[in-house]
């Protein structure tokens, strides 16, 4: 055997290559991951359904608002037509048999005796 010089080290023997094994994933982690993914999918679908329901409700209410606006416009036109002076004058003269005063004449206040009124209403 040869004598080694002092201070010189011999290289360590080489080890044979081993197959590298990856970190094992536990079944518990896989189940938890699938459970969380399932919950996320259910919440996402529920959110989509809720948004669609709200959109349907908004559309239905918008149609109702348009309908009520149309009815309101028709009623306003009828009020304007019936509150016109010509319409009021026609109803007063034809249905109520009121007459226009001639120009310059003052209206006269009639006082009715309650007894006479009662007697006339009985007859």
PDB file of N, CA and C in Angstrom:
ATOM      1  N   UNK A   1       0.815  -1.175   0.000  1.00  0.00           N
ATOM      2  CA  UNK A   1       0.000   0.000   0.000  1.00  0.00           C
ATOM      3  C   UNK A   1       0.853   1.230   0.000  1.00  0.00           C
ATOM      4  N   UNK A   2       0.278   2.096  -0.622  1.00  0.00           N
ATOM      5  CA  UNK A   2       1.024   3.342  -0.739  1.00  0.00           C
ATOM      6  C   UNK A   2       0.666   4.285   0.378  1.00  0.00           C
ATOM      7  N   UNK A   3       1.578   4.980   0.637  1.00  0.00           N
ATOM      8  CA  UNK A   3       1.367   5.929   1.696  1.00  0.00           C
ATOM      9  C   UNK A   3       0.864   7.234   1.101  1.00  0.00           C
ATOM     10  N   UNK A   4      -0.246   7.764   1.727  1.00  0.00           N
ATOM     11  CA  UNK A   4      -0.820   8.992   1.180  1.00  0.00           C
ATOM     12  C   UNK A   4      -0.132  10.176   1.793  1.00  0.00           C
ATOM     13  N   UNK A   5      -0.102  11.151   0.958  1.00  0.00           N
ATOM     14  CA  UNK A   5       0.523  12.369   1.447  1.00  0.00           C
ATOM     15  C   UNK A   5      -0.431  13.054   2.400  1.00  0.00           C
ATOM     16  N   UNK A   6       0.167  13.696   3.308  1.00  0.00           N
ATOM     17  CA  UNK A   6      -0.640  14.358   4.285  1.00  0.00           C
ATOM     18  C   UNK A   6      -1.288  15.585   3.661  1.00  0.00           C
ATOM     19  N   UNK A   7      -2.592  15.831   3.995  1.00  0.00           N
ATOM     20  CA  UNK A   7      -3.291  16.995   3.478  1.00  0.00           C
ATOM     21  C   UNK A   7      -4.050  16.723   2.204  1.00  0.00           C
ATOM     22  N   UNK A   8      -3.796  15.613   1.561  1.00  0.00           N
ATOM     23  CA  UNK A   8      -4.523  15.304   0.332  1.00  0.00           C
ATOM     24  C   UNK A   8      -5.604  14.308   0.715  1.00  0.00           C
ATOM     25  N   UNK A   9      -6.821  14.640   0.368  1.00  0.00           N
ATOM     26  CA  UNK A   9      -7.924  13.749   0.716  1.00  0.00           C
ATOM     27  C   UNK A   9      -8.354  12.953  -0.484  1.00  0.00           C
ATOM     28  N   UNK A  10      -8.821  11.861  -0.214  1.00  0.00           N
ATOM     29  CA  UNK A  10      -9.272  10.975  -1.274  1.00  0.00           C
ATOM     30  C   UNK A  10     -10.759  11.250  -1.528  1.00  0.00           C
ATOM     31  N   UNK A  11     -11.183  11.183  -2.787  1.00  0.00           N
ATOM     32  CA  UNK A  11     -12.603  11.448  -3.062  1.00  0.00           C
ATOM     33  C   UNK A  11     -13.462  10.339  -2.493  1.00  0.00           C
ATOM     34  N   UNK A  12     -14.702  10.755  -2.070  1.00  0.00           N
ATOM     35  CA  UNK A  12     -15.632   9.782  -1.485  1.00  0.00           C
ATOM     36  C   UNK A  12     -16.151   8.871  -2.573  1.00  0.00           C
ATOM     37  N   UNK A  13     -16.464   7.657  -2.232  1.00  0.00           N
ATOM     38  CA  UNK A  13     -16.992   6.752  -3.259  1.00  0.00           C
ATOM     39  C   UNK A  13     -18.337   7.248  -3.779  1.00  0.00           C
ATOM     40  N   UNK A  14     -18.594   7.090  -5.064  1.00  0.00           N
ATOM     41  CA  UNK A  14     -19.838   7.542  -5.689  1.00  0.00           C
ATOM     42  C   UNK A  14     -20.973   6.599  -5.333  1.00  0.00           C
ATOM     43  N   UNK A  15     -22.133   7.192  -5.085  1.00  0.00           N
ATOM     44  CA  UNK A  15     -23.316   6.400  -4.781  1.00  0.00           C
ATOM     45  C   UNK A  15     -24.096   6.147  -6.054  1.00  0.00           C
ATOM     46  N   UNK A  16     -24.757   5.080  -6.122  1.00  0.00           N
ATOM     47  CA  UNK A  16     -25.572   4.779  -7.301  1.00  0.00           C
ATOM     48  C   UNK A  16     -26.792   5.697  -7.298  1.00  0.00           C
ATOM     49  N   UNK A  17     -27.237   6.104  -8.482  1.00  0.00           N
ATOM     50  CA  UNK A  17     -28.412   6.985  -8.593  1.00  0.00           C
ATOM     51  C   UNK A  17     -29.671   6.242  -8.167  1.00  0.00           C
ATOM     52  N   UNK A  18     -30.423   6.929  -7.322  1.00  0.00           N
ATOM     53  CA  UNK A  18     -31.696   6.358  -6.906  1.00  0.00           C
ATOM     54  C   UNK A  18     -32.823   7.085  -7.624  1.00  0.00           C
ATOM     55  N   UNK A  19     -33.932   6.423  -7.774  1.00  0.00           N
ATOM     56  CA  UNK A  19     -35.090   7.025  -8.406  1.00  0.00           C
ATOM     57  C   UNK A  19     -35.633   8.067  -7.432  1.00  0.00           C
ATOM     58  N   UNK A  20     -35.872   9.298  -7.944  1.00  0.00           N
ATOM     59  CA  UNK A  20     -36.371  10.385  -7.110  1.00  0.00           C
ATOM     60  C   UNK A  20     -37.867  10.181  -6.925  1.00  0.00           C
ATOM     61  N   UNK A  21     -38.253  10.160  -5.701  1.00  0.00           N
ATOM     62  CA  UNK A  21     -39.672   9.979  -5.421  1.00  0.00           C
ATOM     63  C   UNK A  21     -40.257  11.327  -5.064  1.00  0.00           C
ATOM     64  N   UNK A  22     -41.447  11.626  -5.648  1.00  0.00           N
ATOM     65  CA  UNK A  22     -42.115  12.894  -5.358  1.00  0.00           C
ATOM     66  C   UNK A  22     -42.857  12.818  -4.037  1.00  0.00           C
ATOM     67  N   UNK A  23     -43.310  13.930  -3.616  1.00  0.00           N
ATOM     68  CA  UNK A  23     -44.043  13.993  -2.352  1.00  0.00           C
ATOM     69  C   UNK A  23     -45.412  13.371  -2.567  1.00  0.00           C
ATOM     70  N   UNK A  24     -45.763  12.488  -1.710  1.00  0.00           N
ATOM     71  CA  UNK A  24     -47.042  11.817  -1.846  1.00  0.00           C
ATOM     72  C   UNK A  24     -48.163  12.760  -1.435  1.00  0.00           C
ATOM     73  N   UNK A  25     -49.297  12.711  -2.195  1.00  0.00           N
ATOM     74  CA  UNK A  25     -50.470  13.520  -1.878  1.00  0.00           C
ATOM     75  C   UNK A  25     -51.423  12.629  -1.096  1.00  0.00           C
ATOM     76  N   UNK A  26     -51.837  13.142   0.030  1.00  0.00           N
ATOM     77  CA  UNK A  26     -52.701  12.314   0.869  1.00  0.00           C
ATOM     78  C   UNK A  26     -54.126  12.319   0.311  1.00  0.00           C
ATOM     79  N   UNK A  27     -54.839  11.265   0.589  1.00  0.00           N
ATOM     80  CA  UNK A  27     -56.221  11.135   0.136  1.00  0.00           C
ATOM     81  C   UNK A  27     -57.091  12.203   0.799  1.00  0.00           C
ATOM     82  N   UNK A  28     -56.794  12.531   2.023  1.00  0.00           N
ATOM     83  CA  UNK A  28     -57.546  13.564   2.731  1.00  0.00           C
ATOM     84  C   UNK A  28     -57.462  14.897   1.992  1.00  0.00           C
ATOM     85  N   UNK A  29     -56.247  15.265   1.535  1.00  0.00           N
ATOM     86  CA  UNK A  29     -56.082  16.525   0.804  1.00  0.00           C
ATOM     87  C   UNK A  29     -56.861  16.513  -0.506  1.00  0.00           C
ATOM     88  N   UNK A  30     -56.884  15.386  -1.195  1.00  0.00           N
ATOM     89  CA  UNK A  30     -57.629  15.285  -2.447  1.00  0.00           C
ATOM     90  C   UNK A  30     -59.122  15.441  -2.182  1.00  0.00           C
ATOM     91  N   UNK A  31     -59.621  14.801  -1.137  1.00  0.00           N
ATOM     92  CA  UNK A  31     -61.045  14.897  -0.803  1.00  0.00           C
ATOM     93  C   UNK A  31     -61.416  16.327  -0.424  1.00  0.00           C
ATOM     94  N   UNK A  32     -60.583  16.969   0.358  1.00  0.00           N
ATOM     95  CA  UNK A  32     -60.841  18.357   0.746  1.00  0.00           C
ATOM     96  C   UNK A  32     -60.839  19.257  -0.483  1.00  0.00           C
ATOM     97  N   UNK A  33     -59.901  19.055  -1.385  1.00  0.00           N
ATOM     98  CA  UNK A  33     -59.826  19.849  -2.602  1.00  0.00           C
ATOM     99  C   UNK A  33     -61.067  19.641  -3.462  1.00  0.00           C
ATOM    100  N   UNK A  34     -61.512  18.407  -3.613  1.00  0.00           N
ATOM    101  CA  UNK A  34     -62.725  18.137  -4.390  1.00  0.00           C
ATOM    102  C   UNK A  34     -63.961  18.739  -3.724  1.00  0.00           C
ATOM    103  N   UNK A  35     -64.028  18.676  -2.409  1.00  0.00           N
ATOM    104  CA  UNK A  35     -65.151  19.254  -1.676  1.00  0.00           C
ATOM    105  C   UNK A  35     -65.203  20.767  -1.867  1.00  0.00           C
ATOM    106  N   UNK A  36     -64.050  21.434  -1.759  1.00  0.00           N
ATOM    107  CA  UNK A  36     -63.988  22.889  -1.947  1.00  0.00           C
ATOM    108  C   UNK A  36     -64.348  23.260  -3.379  1.00  0.00           C
ATOM    109  N   UNK A  37     -63.860  22.486  -4.353  1.00  0.00           N
ATOM    110  CA  UNK A  37     -64.200  22.748  -5.754  1.00  0.00           C
ATOM    111  C   UNK A  37     -65.692  22.562  -5.993  1.00  0.00           C
ATOM    112  N   UNK A  38     -66.285  21.545  -5.391  1.00  0.00           N
ATOM    113  CA  UNK A  38     -67.724  21.323  -5.528  1.00  0.00           C
ATOM    114  C   UNK A  38     -68.532  22.470  -4.959  1.00  0.00           C
ATOM    115  N   UNK A  39     -68.141  22.946  -3.791  1.00  0.00           N
ATOM    116  CA  UNK A  39     -68.835  24.084  -3.179  1.00  0.00           C
ATOM    117  C   UNK A  39     -68.699  25.321  -4.058  1.00  0.00           C
ATOM    118  N   UNK A  40     -67.512  25.557  -4.607  1.00  0.00           N
ATOM    119  CA  UNK A  40     -67.308  26.721  -5.476  1.00  0.00           C
ATOM    120  C   UNK A  40     -68.188  26.634  -6.720  1.00  0.00           C
ATOM    121  N   UNK A  41     -68.310  25.461  -7.298  1.00  0.00           N
ATOM    122  CA  UNK A  41     -69.147  25.294  -8.494  1.00  0.00           C
ATOM    123  C   UNK A  41     -70.615  25.527  -8.152  1.00  0.00           C
ATOM    124  N   UNK A  42     -71.072  24.998  -7.017  1.00  0.00           N
ATOM    125  CA  UNK A  42     -72.469  25.191  -6.610  1.00  0.00           C
ATOM    126  C   UNK A  42     -72.753  26.668  -6.368  1.00  0.00           C
ATOM    127  N   UNK A  43     -71.846  27.364  -5.704  1.00  0.00           N
ATOM    128  CA  UNK A  43     -72.044  28.796  -5.460  1.00  0.00           C
ATOM    129  C   UNK A  43     -72.051  29.589  -6.766  1.00  0.00           C
ATOM    130  N   UNK A  44     -71.205  29.222  -7.706  1.00  0.00           N
ATOM    131  CA  UNK A  44     -71.151  29.913  -9.001  1.00  0.00           C
ATOM    132  C   UNK A  44     -72.454  29.722  -9.768  1.00  0.00           C
ATOM    133  N   UNK A  45     -72.949  28.495  -9.812  1.00  0.00           N
ATOM    134  CA  UNK A  45     -74.208  28.222 -10.520  1.00  0.00           C
ATOM    135  C   UNK A  45     -75.363  28.934  -9.819  1.00  0.00           C
ATOM    136  N   UNK A  46     -75.365  28.927  -8.495  1.00  0.00           N
ATOM    137  CA  UNK A  46     -76.407  29.625  -7.748  1.00  0.00           C
ATOM    138  C   UNK A  46     -76.373  31.116  -8.045  1.00  0.00           C
ATOM    139  N   UNK A  47     -75.202  31.681  -8.156  1.00  0.00           N
ATOM    140  CA  UNK A  47     -75.062  33.095  -8.478  1.00  0.00           C
ATOM    141  C   UNK A  47     -75.618  33.390  -9.863  1.00  0.00           C
ATOM    142  N   UNK A  48     -75.328  32.541 -10.825  1.00  0.00           N
ATOM    143  CA  UNK A  48     -75.844  32.740 -12.178  1.00  0.00           C
ATOM    144  C   UNK A  48     -77.371  32.670 -12.186  1.00  0.00           C
ATOM    145  N   UNK A  49     -77.936  31.699 -11.473  1.00  0.00           N
ATOM    146  CA  UNK A  49     -79.388  31.578 -11.407  1.00  0.00           C
ATOM    147  C   UNK A  49     -80.023  32.792 -10.736  1.00  0.00           C
ATOM    148  N   UNK A  50     -79.406  33.291  -9.687  1.00  0.00           N
ATOM    149  CA  UNK A  50     -79.938  34.468  -8.993  1.00  0.00           C
ATOM    150  C   UNK A  50     -79.902  35.693  -9.900  1.00  0.00           C
ATOM    151  N   UNK A  51     -78.830  35.874 -10.642  1.00  0.00           N
ATOM    152  CA  UNK A  51     -78.729  37.010 -11.564  1.00  0.00           C
ATOM    153  C   UNK A  51     -79.785  36.905 -12.660  1.00  0.00           C
ATOM    154  N   UNK A  52     -80.003  35.709 -13.195  1.00  0.00           N
ATOM    155  CA  UNK A  52     -81.030  35.529 -14.214  1.00  0.00           C
ATOM    156  C   UNK A  52     -82.415  35.818 -13.656  1.00  0.00           C
ATOM    157  N   UNK A  53     -82.683  35.384 -12.431  1.00  0.00           N
ATOM    158  CA  UNK A  53     -83.977  35.647 -11.807  1.00  0.00           C
ATOM    159  C   UNK A  53     -84.179  37.144 -11.599  1.00  0.00           C
ATOM    160  N   UNK A  54     -83.146  37.839 -11.162  1.00  0.00           N
ATOM    161  CA  UNK A  54     -83.254  39.285 -10.966  1.00  0.00           C
ATOM    162  C   UNK A  54     -83.450  40.009 -12.294  1.00  0.00           C
ATOM    163  N   UNK A  55     -82.782  39.559 -13.341  1.00  0.00           N
ATOM    164  CA  UNK A  55     -82.955  40.175 -14.659  1.00  0.00           C
ATOM    165  C   UNK A  55     -84.389  39.980 -15.151  1.00  0.00           C
ATOM    166  N   UNK A  56     -84.953  38.788 -14.923  1.00  0.00           N
ATOM    167  CA  UNK A  56     -86.341  38.532 -15.307  1.00  0.00           C
ATOM    168  C   UNK A  56     -87.286  39.445 -14.534  1.00  0.00           C
ATOM    169  N   UNK A  57     -87.049  39.595 -13.246  1.00  0.00           N
ATOM    170  CA  UNK A  57     -87.889  40.447 -12.409  1.00  0.00           C
ATOM    171  C   UNK A  57     -87.801  41.910 -12.834  1.00  0.00           C
ATOM    172  N   UNK A  58     -86.600  42.379 -13.155  1.00  0.00           N
ATOM    173  CA  UNK A  58     -86.419  43.753 -13.616  1.00  0.00           C
ATOM    174  C   UNK A  58     -87.166  43.972 -14.932  1.00  0.00           C
ATOM    175  N   UNK A  59     -87.080  43.000 -15.835  1.00  0.00           N
ATOM    176  CA  UNK A  59     -87.771  43.111 -17.120  1.00  0.00           C
ATOM    177  C   UNK A  59     -89.284  43.157 -16.908  1.00  0.00           C
ATOM    178  N   UNK A  60     -89.806  42.316 -16.028  1.00  0.00           N
ATOM    179  CA  UNK A  60     -91.244  42.290 -15.753  1.00  0.00           C
ATOM    180  C   UNK A  60     -91.706  43.607 -15.137  1.00  0.00           C
ATOM    181  N   UNK A  61     -90.931  44.138 -14.206  1.00  0.00           N
ATOM    182  CA  UNK A  61     -91.287  45.409 -13.581  1.00  0.00           C
ATOM    183  C   UNK A  61     -91.185  46.572 -14.569  1.00  0.00           C
ATOM    184  N   UNK A  62     -90.216  46.504 -15.490  1.00  0.00           N
ATOM    185  CA  UNK A  62     -90.091  47.559 -16.498  1.00  0.00           C
ATOM    186  C   UNK A  62     -91.306  47.570 -17.421  1.00  0.00           C
ATOM    187  N   UNK A  63     -91.799  46.384 -17.788  1.00  0.00           N
ATOM    188  CA  UNK A  63     -92.999  46.302 -18.621  1.00  0.00           C
ATOM    189  C   UNK A  63     -94.200  46.883 -17.865  1.00  0.00           C
ATOM    190  N   UNK A  64     -94.278  46.594 -16.569  1.00  0.00           N
ATOM    191  CA  UNK A  64     -95.390  47.133 -15.765  1.00  0.00           C
ATOM    192  C   UNK A  64     -95.288  48.651 -15.651  1.00  0.00           C
ATOM    193  N   UNK A  65     -94.087  49.176 -15.476  1.00  0.00           N
ATOM    194  CA  UNK A  65     -93.902  50.628 -15.401  1.00  0.00           C
ATOM    195  C   UNK A  65     -94.333  51.278 -16.716  1.00  0.00           C
ATOM    196  N   UNK A  66     -93.947  50.683 -17.841  1.00  0.00           N
ATOM    197  CA  UNK A  66     -94.337  51.230 -19.141  1.00  0.00           C
ATOM    198  C   UNK A  66     -95.856  51.218 -19.296  1.00  0.00           C
ATOM    199  N   UNK A  67     -96.488  50.134 -18.868  1.00  0.00           N
ATOM    200  CA  UNK A  67     -97.940  50.036 -18.963  1.00  0.00           C
ATOM    201  C   UNK A  67     -98.618  51.106 -18.112  1.00  0.00           C
ATOM    202  N   UNK A  68     -98.146  51.270 -16.882  1.00  0.00           N
ATOM    203  CA  UNK A  68     -98.735  52.281 -15.994  1.00  0.00           C
ATOM    204  C   UNK A  68     -98.476  53.696 -16.504  1.00  0.00           C
ATOM    205  N   UNK A  69     -97.337  53.915 -17.122  1.00  0.00           N
ATOM    206  CA  UNK A  69     -97.047  55.226 -17.700  1.00  0.00           C
ATOM    207  C   UNK A  69     -98.003  55.524 -18.846  1.00  0.00           C
ATOM    208  N   UNK A  70     -98.289  54.523 -19.678  1.00  0.00           N
ATOM    209  CA  UNK A  70     -99.241  54.713 -20.772  1.00  0.00           C
ATOM    210  C   UNK A  70    -100.637  55.012 -20.240  1.00  0.00           C
ATOM    211  N   UNK A  71    -101.074  54.276 -19.216  1.00  0.00           N
ATOM    212  CA  UNK A  71    -102.385  54.525 -18.620  1.00  0.00           C
ATOM    213  C   UNK A  71    -102.426  55.922 -18.026  1.00  0.00           C
ATOM    214  N   UNK A  72    -101.371  56.329 -17.359  1.00  0.00           N
ATOM    215  CA  UNK A  72    -101.303  57.661 -16.764  1.00  0.00           C
ATOM    216  C   UNK A  72    -101.393  58.745 -17.837  1.00  0.00           C
ATOM    217  N   UNK A  73    -100.728  58.544 -18.959  1.00  0.00           N
ATOM    218  CA  UNK A  73    -100.778  59.514 -20.051  1.00  0.00           C
ATOM    219  C   UNK A  73    -102.186  59.617 -20.624  1.00  0.00           C
ATOM    220  N   UNK A  74    -102.861  58.471 -20.782  1.00  0.00           N
ATOM    221  CA  UNK A  74    -104.230  58.477 -21.295  1.00  0.00           C
ATOM    222  C   UNK A  74    -105.162  59.204 -20.331  1.00  0.00           C
ATOM    223  N   UNK A  75    -105.019  58.930 -19.037  1.00  0.00           N
ATOM    224  CA  UNK A  75    -105.863  59.588 -18.043  1.00  0.00           C
ATOM    225  C   UNK A  75    -105.606  61.088 -17.993  1.00  0.00           C
ATOM    226  N   UNK A  76    -104.372  61.491 -18.125  1.00  0.00           N
ATOM    227  CA  UNK A  76    -104.042  62.914 -18.124  1.00  0.00           C
ATOM    228  C   UNK A  76    -104.652  63.610 -19.335  1.00  0.00           C
ATOM    229  N   UNK A  77    -104.635  62.939 -20.486  1.00  0.00           N
ATOM    230  CA  UNK A  77    -105.259  63.513 -21.683  1.00  0.00           C
ATOM    231  C   UNK A  77    -106.771  63.643 -21.495  1.00  0.00           C
ATOM    232  N   UNK A  78    -107.403  62.654 -20.856  1.00  0.00           N
ATOM    233  CA  UNK A  78    -108.839  62.736 -20.602  1.00  0.00           C
ATOM    234  C   UNK A  78    -109.176  63.864 -19.634  1.00  0.00           C
ATOM    235  N   UNK A  79    -108.357  64.039 -18.601  1.00  0.00           N
ATOM    236  CA  UNK A  79    -108.574  65.133 -17.648  1.00  0.00           C
ATOM    237  C   UNK A  79    -108.445  66.471 -18.358  1.00  0.00           C
ATOM    238  N   UNK A  80    -107.441  66.615 -19.199  1.00  0.00           N
ATOM    239  CA  UNK A  80    -107.263  67.875 -19.926  1.00  0.00           C
ATOM    240  C   UNK A  80    -108.432  68.140 -20.866  1.00  0.00           C
ATOM    241  N   UNK A  81    -108.925  67.088 -21.522  1.00  0.00           N
ATOM    242  CA  UNK A  81    -110.037  67.264 -22.450  1.00  0.00           C
ATOM    243  C   UNK A  81    -111.319  67.616 -21.698  1.00  0.00           C
ATOM    244  N   UNK A  82    -111.576  66.944 -20.575  1.00  0.00           N
ATOM    245  CA  UNK A  82    -112.811  67.178 -19.829  1.00  0.00           C
ATOM    246  C   UNK A  82    -112.780  68.455 -19.007  1.00  0.00           C
ATOM    247  N   UNK A  83    -111.629  68.980 -18.730  1.00  0.00           N
ATOM    248  CA  UNK A  83    -111.554  70.221 -17.953  1.00  0.00           C
ATOM    249  C   UNK A  83    -111.500  71.458 -18.840  1.00  0.00           C
ATOM    250  N   UNK A  84    -111.631  71.261 -20.135  1.00  0.00           N
ATOM    251  CA  UNK A  84    -111.654  72.404 -21.052  1.00  0.00           C
ATOM    252  C   UNK A  84    -112.935  73.208 -20.879  1.00  0.00           C
ATOM    253  N   UNK A  85    -112.864  74.521 -21.119  1.00  0.00           N
ATOM    254  CA  UNK A  85    -114.015  75.392 -20.924  1.00  0.00           C
ATOM    255  C   UNK A  85    -115.173  75.027 -21.848  1.00  0.00           C
ATOM    256  N   UNK A  86    -114.871  74.614 -23.062  1.00  0.00           N
ATOM    257  CA  UNK A  86    -115.942  74.262 -23.992  1.00  0.00           C
ATOM    258  C   UNK A  86    -116.725  73.059 -23.473  1.00  0.00           C
ATOM    259  N   UNK A  87    -116.016  72.068 -22.971  1.00  0.00           N
ATOM    260  CA  UNK A  87    -116.662  70.860 -22.450  1.00  0.00           C
ATOM    261  C   UNK A  87    -117.508  71.192 -21.224  1.00  0.00           C
ATOM    262  N   UNK A  88    -116.985  72.010 -20.327  1.00  0.00           N
ATOM    263  CA  UNK A  88    -117.729  72.387 -19.127  1.00  0.00           C
ATOM    264  C   UNK A  88    -118.973  73.189 -19.505  1.00  0.00           C
ATOM    265  N   UNK A  89    -118.818  74.120 -20.454  1.00  0.00           N
ATOM    266  CA  UNK A  89    -119.972  74.918 -20.912  1.00  0.00           C
ATOM    267  C   UNK A  89    -121.034  74.052 -21.560  1.00  0.00           C
ATOM    268  N   UNK A  90    -120.645  73.088 -22.360  1.00  0.00           N
ATOM    269  CA  UNK A  90    -121.610  72.204 -23.024  1.00  0.00           C
ATOM    270  C   UNK A  90    -122.384  71.383 -21.991  1.00  0.00           C
ATOM    271  N   UNK A  91    -121.680  70.815 -21.003  1.00  0.00           N
ATOM    272  CA  UNK A  91    -122.345  70.026 -19.968  1.00  0.00           C
ATOM    273  C   UNK A  91    -123.278  70.909 -19.139  1.00  0.00           C
ATOM    274  N   UNK A  92    -122.855  72.136 -18.827  1.00  0.00           N
ATOM    275  CA  UNK A  92    -123.680  73.038 -18.016  1.00  0.00           C
ATOM    276  C   UNK A  92    -124.957  73.423 -18.749  1.00  0.00           C
ATOM    277  N   UNK A  93    -124.873  73.699 -20.014  1.00  0.00           N
ATOM    278  CA  UNK A  93    -126.072  74.122 -20.751  1.00  0.00           C
ATOM    279  C   UNK A  93    -126.962  72.948 -21.131  1.00  0.00           C
ATOM    280  N   UNK A  94    -126.411  71.828 -21.542  1.00  0.00           N
ATOM    281  CA  UNK A  94    -127.238  70.722 -22.028  1.00  0.00           C
ATOM    282  C   UNK A  94    -127.751  69.834 -20.896  1.00  0.00           C
ATOM    283  N   UNK A  95    -126.885  69.398 -20.017  1.00  0.00           N
ATOM    284  CA  UNK A  95    -127.290  68.437 -19.002  1.00  0.00           C
ATOM    285  C   UNK A  95    -127.868  69.105 -17.755  1.00  0.00           C
ATOM    286  N   UNK A  96    -127.289  70.215 -17.347  1.00  0.00           N
ATOM    287  CA  UNK A  96    -127.757  70.884 -16.133  1.00  0.00           C
ATOM    288  C   UNK A  96    -128.729  72.023 -16.425  1.00  0.00           C
ATOM    289  N   UNK A  97    -128.913  72.357 -17.671  1.00  0.00           N
ATOM    290  CA  UNK A  97    -129.830  73.408 -18.143  1.00  0.00           C
ATOM    291  C   UNK A  97    -129.516  74.762 -17.522  1.00  0.00           C
ATOM    292  N   UNK A  98    -128.252  75.045 -17.398  1.00  0.00           N
ATOM    293  CA  UNK A  98    -127.827  76.368 -16.955  1.00  0.00           C
ATOM    294  C   UNK A  98    -127.743  77.279 -18.176  1.00  0.00           C
ATOM    295  N   UNK A  99    -127.845  78.585 -17.916  1.00  0.00           N
ATOM    296  CA  UNK A  99    -127.804  79.548 -19.016  1.00  0.00           C
ATOM    297  C   UNK A  99    -126.722  80.572 -18.736  1.00  0.00           C
ATOM    298  N   UNK A 100    -126.158  81.076 -19.805  1.00  0.00           N
ATOM    299  CA  UNK A 100    -125.190  82.163 -19.678  1.00  0.00           C
ATOM    300  C   UNK A 100    -125.951  83.458 -19.433  1.00  0.00           C
ATOM    301  N   UNK A 101    -125.393  84.319 -18.597  1.00  0.00           N
ATOM    302  CA  UNK A 101    -126.004  85.629 -18.349  1.00  0.00           C
ATOM    303  C   UNK A 101    -125.719  86.541 -19.529  1.00  0.00           C
ATOM    304  N   UNK A 102    -126.668  87.369 -19.882  1.00  0.00           N
ATOM    305  CA  UNK A 102    -126.372  88.368 -20.915  1.00  0.00           C
ATOM    306  C   UNK A 102    -125.291  89.317 -20.406  1.00  0.00           C
ATOM    307  N   UNK A 103    -124.513  89.920 -21.307  1.00  0.00           N
ATOM    308  CA  UNK A 103    -123.440  90.824 -20.856  1.00  0.00           C
ATOM    309  C   UNK A 103    -123.988  91.980 -20.034  1.00  0.00           C
ATOM    310  N   UNK A 104    -123.307  92.270 -18.947  1.00  0.00           N
ATOM    311  CA  UNK A 104    -123.659  93.382 -18.075  1.00  0.00           C
ATOM    312  C   UNK A 104    -124.655  93.022 -16.990  1.00  0.00           C
ATOM    313  N   UNK A 105    -125.250  91.883 -16.990  1.00  0.00           N
ATOM    314  CA  UNK A 105    -126.233  91.504 -15.980  1.00  0.00           C
ATOM    315  C   UNK A 105    -125.532  90.788 -14.835  1.00  0.00           C
ATOM    316  N   UNK A 106    -125.960  91.114 -13.626  1.00  0.00           N
ATOM    317  CA  UNK A 106    -125.368  90.523 -12.431  1.00  0.00           C
ATOM    318  C   UNK A 106    -126.172  89.291 -12.013  1.00  0.00           C
ATOM    319  N   UNK A 107    -125.500  88.281 -11.458  1.00  0.00           N
ATOM    320  CA  UNK A 107    -126.244  87.121 -10.979  1.00  0.00           C
ATOM    321  C   UNK A 107    -127.056  87.483  -9.739  1.00  0.00           C
ATOM    322  N   UNK A 108    -128.160  86.806  -9.564  1.00  0.00           N
ATOM    323  CA  UNK A 108    -129.053  87.078  -8.436  1.00  0.00           C
ATOM    324  C   UNK A 108    -128.974  85.880  -7.493  1.00  0.00           C
ATOM    325  N   UNK A 109    -128.882  86.195  -6.203  1.00  0.00           N
ATOM    326  CA  UNK A 109    -128.844  85.160  -5.185  1.00  0.00           C
ATOM    327  C   UNK A 109    -130.265  84.852  -4.755  1.00  0.00           C
ATOM    328  N   UNK A 110    -130.654  83.615  -4.866  1.00  0.00           N
ATOM    329  CA  UNK A 110    -131.991  83.202  -4.478  1.00  0.00           C
ATOM    330  C   UNK A 110    -131.944  82.636  -3.076  1.00  0.00           C
ATOM    331  N   UNK A 111    -132.867  83.089  -2.260  1.00  0.00           N
ATOM    332  CA  UNK A 111    -132.977  82.562  -0.917  1.00  0.00           C
ATOM    333  C   UNK A 111    -134.211  81.687  -0.875  1.00  0.00           C
ATOM    334  N   UNK A 112    -134.045  80.479  -0.423  1.00  0.00           N
ATOM    335  CA  UNK A 112    -135.139  79.534  -0.347  1.00  0.00           C
ATOM    336  C   UNK A 112    -135.559  79.336   1.093  1.00  0.00           C
ATOM    337  N   UNK A 113    -136.857  79.305   1.267  1.00  0.00           N
ATOM    338  CA  UNK A 113    -137.400  79.049   2.585  1.00  0.00           C
ATOM    339  C   UNK A 113    -137.321  77.542   2.826  1.00  0.00           C
ATOM    340  N   UNK A 114    -136.706  77.086   3.929  1.00  0.00           N
ATOM    341  CA  UNK A 114    -136.579  75.656   4.162  1.00  0.00           C
ATOM    342  C   UNK A 114    -137.928  74.931   4.208  1.00  0.00           C
ATOM    343  N   UNK A 115    -138.957  75.601   4.695  1.00  0.00           N
ATOM    344  CA  UNK A 115    -140.264  74.957   4.766  1.00  0.00           C
ATOM    345  C   UNK A 115    -140.833  74.727   3.373  1.00  0.00           C
ATOM    346  N   UNK A 116    -140.685  75.743   2.504  1.00  0.00           N
ATOM    347  CA  UNK A 116    -141.176  75.595   1.134  1.00  0.00           C
ATOM    348  C   UNK A 116    -140.409  74.493   0.408  1.00  0.00           C
ATOM    349  N   UNK A 117    -139.129  74.441   0.644  1.00  0.00           N
ATOM    350  CA  UNK A 117    -138.295  73.410   0.015  1.00  0.00           C
ATOM    351  C   UNK A 117    -138.719  72.024   0.480  1.00  0.00           C
ATOM    352  N   UNK A 118    -139.026  71.900   1.750  1.00  0.00           N
ATOM    353  CA  UNK A 118    -139.462  70.615   2.291  1.00  0.00           C
ATOM    354  C   UNK A 118    -140.819  70.230   1.704  1.00  0.00           C
ATOM    355  N   UNK A 119    -141.721  71.179   1.598  1.00  0.00           N
ATOM    356  CA  UNK A 119    -143.039  70.940   1.044  1.00  0.00           C
ATOM    357  C   UNK A 119    -142.939  70.525  -0.430  1.00  0.00           C
ATOM    358  N   UNK A 120    -142.061  71.189  -1.172  1.00  0.00           N
ATOM    359  CA  UNK A 120    -141.892  70.866  -2.600  1.00  0.00           C
ATOM    360  C   UNK A 120    -141.271  69.479  -2.770  1.00  0.00           C
ATOM    361  N   UNK A 121    -140.355  69.123  -1.900  1.00  0.00           N
ATOM    362  CA  UNK A 121    -139.726  67.821  -2.029  1.00  0.00           C
ATOM    363  C   UNK A 121    -140.696  66.697  -1.661  1.00  0.00           C
ATOM    364  N   UNK A 122    -141.656  66.977  -0.778  1.00  0.00           N
ATOM    365  CA  UNK A 122    -142.656  65.964  -0.421  1.00  0.00           C
ATOM    366  C   UNK A 122    -143.630  65.726  -1.552  1.00  0.00           C
ATOM    367  N   UNK A 123    -143.943  66.762  -2.304  1.00  0.00           N
ATOM    368  CA  UNK A 123    -144.909  66.635  -3.388  1.00  0.00           C
ATOM    369  C   UNK A 123    -144.269  66.024  -4.554  1.00  0.00           C
TER     370      UNK A 123
END
